[in-house]
Each structure stands twice: as structure tokens, then as C-alpha cells.
Amino acid sequence: MREFLAAWNANDIPRVVAWLHPDVVYHNMPVAPMIGRTAVAQYLTSRGAFDWVDWKLLAIAADGNKVLTERIDDFGRGGIDISLPLMGIFEINDGLITAWRDYFDMAMYQRQLAGTQE
């Protein structure tokens, strides 16, 4: 999991995608899930490159094949800086992420993206 986060912090999307199982289910909980490594890769690349990425791991815990991460995902996109506290749950099988769920406040994200901090 730490290597996956390091791939994000290196802003290396191909390396990020390499950690995903071909049938991964990726779900940002406020929106519909994506199924499959190809769909996730297309989503990540279609959003355009990140200006920079700095995911801060605040806490990590494991139970069987599930890894829970409390994080602050800081990143820049299109000249806008975002700081998003969230909880991520990953299911790992045979060394690959088979399920990835991030829980966060979508309104907070959208306010930052729009340049307002209310």
C-alpha cells in the first residue's frame, strides 16, 4: 500500500495503474463506481495530468486483505490546489488492488475546484 501511495506521490499514473487488478472496482463513494483496470486508467488519464501530488498518510490499518488508510490527498490540477481529507479502503489479492473505495466530501472538493473555500 505504501508503494502504491509512493507511485501517486511520484505522479506516475502508469505505475499507479500497474497496482490495479484487471477487474478492479474503483469507487469514489459520491459517484458511480468504475470497473476494470482499463476503465480506471482511461479515467485517470482523461482527467489530464496532475500538476503535482502529495498524498499524506495519517493512519493505516489492515484486517485480512483489507487496508484502511486515513489520508489527506493534496494535489494540483490546472493551476488549482486541492486538499481533500478522506478515508480509503483497499482490498488486496495476490499483490494487486481488487477494490478501492475512497470516502470524502464531494462538496468540499467541488468548492476547492471552483476556487471557493466556504
Protein backbone atom coordinates (compact mmCIF):
# COMPACT_ATOMS: atom_id res chain seq x y z
CA MET A 1 0.00 0.00 0.00
CA ARG A 2 2.84 2.36 0.80
CA GLU A 3 4.36 1.67 -2.63
CA PHE A 4 1.01 2.46 -4.27
CA LEU A 5 0.90 5.78 -2.41
CA ALA A 6 4.52 6.44 -3.41
CA ALA A 7 3.50 5.95 -7.06
CA TRP A 8 0.82 8.61 -6.58
CA ASN A 9 3.28 10.98 -4.94
CA ALA A 10 5.65 10.46 -7.85
CA ASN A 11 2.73 11.50 -10.10
CA ASP A 12 3.34 8.29 -12.06
CA ILE A 13 -0.07 7.19 -13.35
CA PRO A 14 1.25 4.14 -15.27
CA ARG A 15 2.88 2.93 -12.03
CA VAL A 16 -0.37 3.60 -10.13
CA VAL A 17 -2.38 1.61 -12.67
CA ALA A 18 0.11 -1.28 -12.51
CA TRP A 19 -1.02 -1.91 -8.91
CA LEU A 20 -4.63 -2.45 -10.01
CA HIS A 21 -6.13 -5.87 -10.71
CA PRO A 22 -7.55 -6.18 -14.24
CA ASP A 23 -11.06 -6.44 -12.72
CA VAL A 24 -10.60 -3.77 -10.03
CA VAL A 25 -13.65 -1.92 -8.74
CA TYR A 26 -12.74 1.74 -8.06
CA HIS A 27 -15.38 3.72 -6.25
CA ASN A 28 -15.17 7.33 -5.20
CA MET A 29 -18.19 6.93 -2.97
CA PRO A 30 -20.01 10.10 -4.00
CA VAL A 31 -20.11 8.92 -7.65
CA ALA A 32 -20.70 5.71 -9.60
CA PRO A 33 -18.01 3.00 -9.45
CA MET A 34 -15.66 2.15 -12.29
CA ILE A 35 -14.92 -1.47 -13.10
CA GLY A 36 -11.68 -2.70 -14.62
CA ARG A 37 -8.09 -1.52 -14.81
CA THR A 38 -8.63 -0.21 -18.35
CA ALA A 39 -11.60 1.95 -17.31
CA VAL A 40 -9.71 3.36 -14.33
CA ALA A 41 -6.63 4.08 -16.45
CA GLN A 42 -8.77 5.86 -19.04
CA TYR A 43 -10.47 7.90 -16.31
CA LEU A 44 -7.18 8.93 -14.69
CA THR A 45 -5.56 9.91 -17.99
CA SER A 46 -8.69 11.60 -19.40
CA ARG A 47 -8.77 13.97 -16.42
CA GLY A 48 -5.45 15.40 -17.57
CA ALA A 49 -2.15 15.37 -15.78
CA PHE A 50 -1.85 16.45 -12.18
CA ASP A 51 0.36 19.48 -11.68
CA TRP A 52 1.69 17.85 -8.51
CA VAL A 53 0.61 15.20 -5.98
CA ASP A 54 1.27 14.88 -2.24
CA TRP A 55 -0.87 12.26 -0.53
CA LYS A 56 -0.27 12.33 3.22
CA LEU A 57 -0.88 9.06 5.04
CA LEU A 58 -2.21 9.87 8.52
CA ALA A 59 -3.12 6.34 9.63
CA ILE A 60 -3.11 2.84 8.19
CA ALA A 61 -4.63 -0.40 9.44
CA ALA A 62 -5.09 -3.87 7.99
CA ASP A 63 -7.64 -6.59 8.59
CA GLY A 64 -7.14 -9.67 6.44
CA ASN A 65 -6.91 -8.48 2.84
CA LYS A 66 -8.37 -5.03 3.62
CA VAL A 67 -6.19 -1.99 4.20
CA LEU A 68 -7.73 1.19 5.59
CA THR A 69 -5.99 4.50 5.01
CA GLU A 70 -6.78 7.86 6.53
CA ARG A 71 -5.23 10.42 4.20
CA ILE A 72 -5.10 13.98 3.12
CA ASP A 73 -4.80 13.98 -0.65
CA ASP A 74 -3.18 17.24 -1.69
CA PHE A 75 -2.77 17.80 -5.41
CA GLY A 76 -2.82 20.41 -8.11
CA ARG A 77 -4.76 20.28 -11.32
CA GLY A 78 -4.96 23.04 -13.89
CA GLY A 79 -3.32 25.51 -11.53
CA ILE A 80 -5.83 24.84 -8.73
CA ASP A 81 -4.59 23.37 -5.44
CA ILE A 82 -6.84 20.83 -3.72
CA SER A 83 -6.58 19.44 -0.20
CA LEU A 84 -9.01 16.62 0.48
CA PRO A 85 -9.25 14.68 3.74
CA LEU A 86 -10.56 11.18 3.12
CA MET A 87 -10.77 7.58 4.18
CA GLY A 88 -9.71 4.93 1.69
CA ILE A 89 -10.34 1.21 1.85
CA PHE A 90 -8.39 -1.15 -0.37
CA GLU A 91 -8.88 -4.87 -0.88
CA ILE A 92 -5.67 -6.62 -1.93
CA ASN A 93 -5.46 -10.06 -3.52
CA ASP A 94 -2.31 -11.65 -4.90
CA GLY A 95 -0.47 -8.34 -4.55
CA LEU A 96 -2.95 -6.30 -6.60
CA ILE A 97 -5.75 -3.94 -5.60
CA THR A 98 -9.08 -5.61 -6.41
CA ALA A 99 -11.30 -2.97 -4.77
CA TRP A 100 -10.60 0.67 -3.93
CA ARG A 101 -13.15 2.86 -2.17
CA ASP A 102 -12.49 6.47 -1.17
CA TYR A 103 -14.94 8.29 1.10
CA PHE A 104 -14.77 12.09 1.02
CA ASP A 105 -16.85 15.25 0.99
CA MET A 106 -17.70 15.93 -2.66
CA ALA A 107 -18.97 19.45 -1.88
CA MET A 108 -15.61 20.32 -0.30
CA TYR A 109 -13.82 19.05 -3.40
CA GLN A 110 -16.12 20.98 -5.75
CA ARG A 111 -15.74 24.24 -3.75
CA GLN A 112 -11.95 23.96 -3.97
CA LEU A 113 -12.09 23.13 -7.66
CA ALA A 114 -14.25 26.23 -8.22
CA GLY A 115 -11.79 28.34 -6.23
CA THR A 116 -14.06 28.98 -3.24
CA GLN A 117 -13.38 27.83 0.31
CA GLU A 118 -16.76 28.44 2.01
